Amino acid sequence: MSKLVREWLMALGLYWLTTEEDRKEIDAEIEARTGVYCDDAIRMGLIDEEEFREIVEAVLRRRKRKKELLVEVV
């Protein structure tokens, strides 16, 4: 996981809401949106705080949906 993503999550109070898997997915989403390594994207200002929050929320929603689907199957 990238250092700057971890720092942003901590600064925004979101770190403890995410798992290691979530944080890797956040990294991947930033890289997919910007086309550069996630730390570089943050450093270069390609991702702002609002978009970062949107990415985190989307990842957390996907995790919640996955859990709900697993419960339905069981």
C-alpha atoms as a PDB file:
ATOM      1  CA  MET A   1       0.000   0.000   0.000  1.00  0.00           C
ATOM      2  CA  SER A   2       1.224   3.468  -0.776  1.00  0.00           C
ATOM      3  CA  LYS A   3       2.531   5.773   1.908  1.00  0.00           C
ATOM      4  CA  LEU A   4       0.557   8.860   0.848  1.00  0.00           C
ATOM      5  CA  VAL A   5      -2.734   6.960   0.610  1.00  0.00           C
ATOM      6  CA  ARG A   6      -2.181   5.739   4.182  1.00  0.00           C
ATOM      7  CA  GLU A   7      -1.355   9.288   5.315  1.00  0.00           C
ATOM      8  CA  TRP A   8      -4.470  10.721   3.647  1.00  0.00           C
ATOM      9  CA  LEU A   9      -6.669   8.010   5.165  1.00  0.00           C
ATOM     10  CA  MET A  10      -5.262   8.774   8.609  1.00  0.00           C
ATOM     11  CA  ALA A  11      -5.550  12.544   8.188  1.00  0.00           C
ATOM     12  CA  LEU A  12      -9.185  12.214   7.116  1.00  0.00           C
ATOM     13  CA  GLY A  13     -10.044   9.753   9.879  1.00  0.00           C
ATOM     14  CA  LEU A  14     -10.813   6.986   7.391  1.00  0.00           C
ATOM     15  CA  TYR A  15      -7.891   4.629   7.963  1.00  0.00           C
ATOM     16  CA  TRP A  16      -9.603   2.516  10.617  1.00  0.00           C
ATOM     17  CA  LEU A  17     -12.663   2.035   8.397  1.00  0.00           C
ATOM     18  CA  THR A  18     -10.594   0.246   5.763  1.00  0.00           C
ATOM     19  CA  THR A  19      -8.950  -3.139   5.596  1.00  0.00           C
ATOM     20  CA  GLU A  20      -5.609  -3.900   3.939  1.00  0.00           C
ATOM     21  CA  GLU A  21      -7.567  -5.253   0.963  1.00  0.00           C
ATOM     22  CA  ASP A  22      -9.599  -2.013   0.774  1.00  0.00           C
ATOM     23  CA  ARG A  23      -6.429   0.069   0.823  1.00  0.00           C
ATOM     24  CA  LYS A  24      -4.921  -1.943  -2.016  1.00  0.00           C
ATOM     25  CA  GLU A  25      -8.152  -1.449  -3.957  1.00  0.00           C
ATOM     26  CA  ILE A  26      -7.997   2.311  -3.285  1.00  0.00           C
ATOM     27  CA  ASP A  27      -4.432   2.361  -4.642  1.00  0.00           C
ATOM     28  CA  ALA A  28      -5.537   0.465  -7.748  1.00  0.00           C
ATOM     29  CA  GLU A  29      -8.520   2.768  -8.333  1.00  0.00           C
ATOM     30  CA  ILE A  30      -6.332   5.879  -8.112  1.00  0.00           C
ATOM     31  CA  GLU A  31      -3.861   4.325 -10.545  1.00  0.00           C
ATOM     32  CA  ALA A  32      -6.674   3.355 -12.938  1.00  0.00           C
ATOM     33  CA  ARG A  33      -8.142   6.873 -12.902  1.00  0.00           C
ATOM     34  CA  THR A  34      -4.842   8.723 -13.306  1.00  0.00           C
ATOM     35  CA  GLY A  35      -2.602   6.305 -15.167  1.00  0.00           C
ATOM     36  CA  VAL A  36       0.267   6.833 -12.715  1.00  0.00           C
ATOM     37  CA  TYR A  37       1.386   5.273  -9.425  1.00  0.00           C
ATOM     38  CA  CYS A  38      -0.997   6.338  -6.646  1.00  0.00           C
ATOM     39  CA  ASP A  39       1.599   8.230  -4.553  1.00  0.00           C
ATOM     40  CA  ASP A  40       2.698  10.123  -7.649  1.00  0.00           C
ATOM     41  CA  ALA A  41      -0.919  10.968  -8.491  1.00  0.00           C
ATOM     42  CA  ILE A  42      -1.434  12.460  -5.034  1.00  0.00           C
ATOM     43  CA  ARG A  43       1.921  14.239  -5.103  1.00  0.00           C
ATOM     44  CA  MET A  44       1.177  15.759  -8.537  1.00  0.00           C
ATOM     45  CA  GLY A  45      -2.310  16.864  -7.481  1.00  0.00           C
ATOM     46  CA  LEU A  46      -4.112  14.580  -9.929  1.00  0.00           C
ATOM     47  CA  ILE A  47      -6.389  13.459  -7.092  1.00  0.00           C
ATOM     48  CA  ASP A  48      -7.907  16.010  -4.734  1.00  0.00           C
ATOM     49  CA  GLU A  49      -9.475  15.352  -1.338  1.00  0.00           C
ATOM     50  CA  GLU A  50     -13.022  15.207  -2.689  1.00  0.00           C
ATOM     51  CA  GLU A  51     -12.184  12.618  -5.338  1.00  0.00           C
ATOM     52  CA  PHE A  52     -10.125  10.654  -2.802  1.00  0.00           C
ATOM     53  CA  ARG A  53     -13.136  10.497  -0.462  1.00  0.00           C
ATOM     54  CA  GLU A  54     -15.328   9.362  -3.367  1.00  0.00           C
ATOM     55  CA  ILE A  55     -12.901   6.544  -4.152  1.00  0.00           C
ATOM     56  CA  VAL A  56     -12.786   5.418  -0.514  1.00  0.00           C
ATOM     57  CA  GLU A  57     -16.595   5.496  -0.255  1.00  0.00           C
ATOM     58  CA  ALA A  58     -16.956   3.491  -3.466  1.00  0.00           C
ATOM     59  CA  VAL A  59     -14.518   0.837  -2.225  1.00  0.00           C
ATOM     60  CA  LEU A  60     -16.326   0.579   1.112  1.00  0.00           C
ATOM     61  CA  ARG A  61     -19.715   0.278  -0.636  1.00  0.00           C
ATOM     62  CA  ARG A  62     -18.381  -2.552  -2.812  1.00  0.00           C
ATOM     63  CA  ARG A  63     -17.113  -4.387   0.276  1.00  0.00           C
ATOM     64  CA  LYS A  64     -20.485  -3.977   1.977  1.00  0.00           C
ATOM     65  CA  ARG A  65     -22.276  -5.358  -1.109  1.00  0.00           C
ATOM     66  CA  LYS A  66     -19.919  -8.343  -1.233  1.00  0.00           C
ATOM     67  CA  LYS A  67     -20.687  -9.139   2.407  1.00  0.00           C
ATOM     68  CA  GLU A  68     -24.429  -8.821   1.800  1.00  0.00           C
ATOM     69  CA  LEU A  69     -24.229 -11.196  -1.156  1.00  0.00           C
ATOM     70  CA  LEU A  70     -22.296 -13.738   0.902  1.00  0.00           C
ATOM     71  CA  VAL A  71     -24.930 -13.623   3.624  1.00  0.00           C
ATOM     72  CA  GLU A  72     -27.697 -14.208   1.063  1.00  0.00           C
ATOM     73  CA  VAL A  73     -25.893 -17.233  -0.344  1.00  0.00           C
ATOM     74  CA  VAL A  74     -25.413 -18.832   3.063  1.00  0.00           C
END
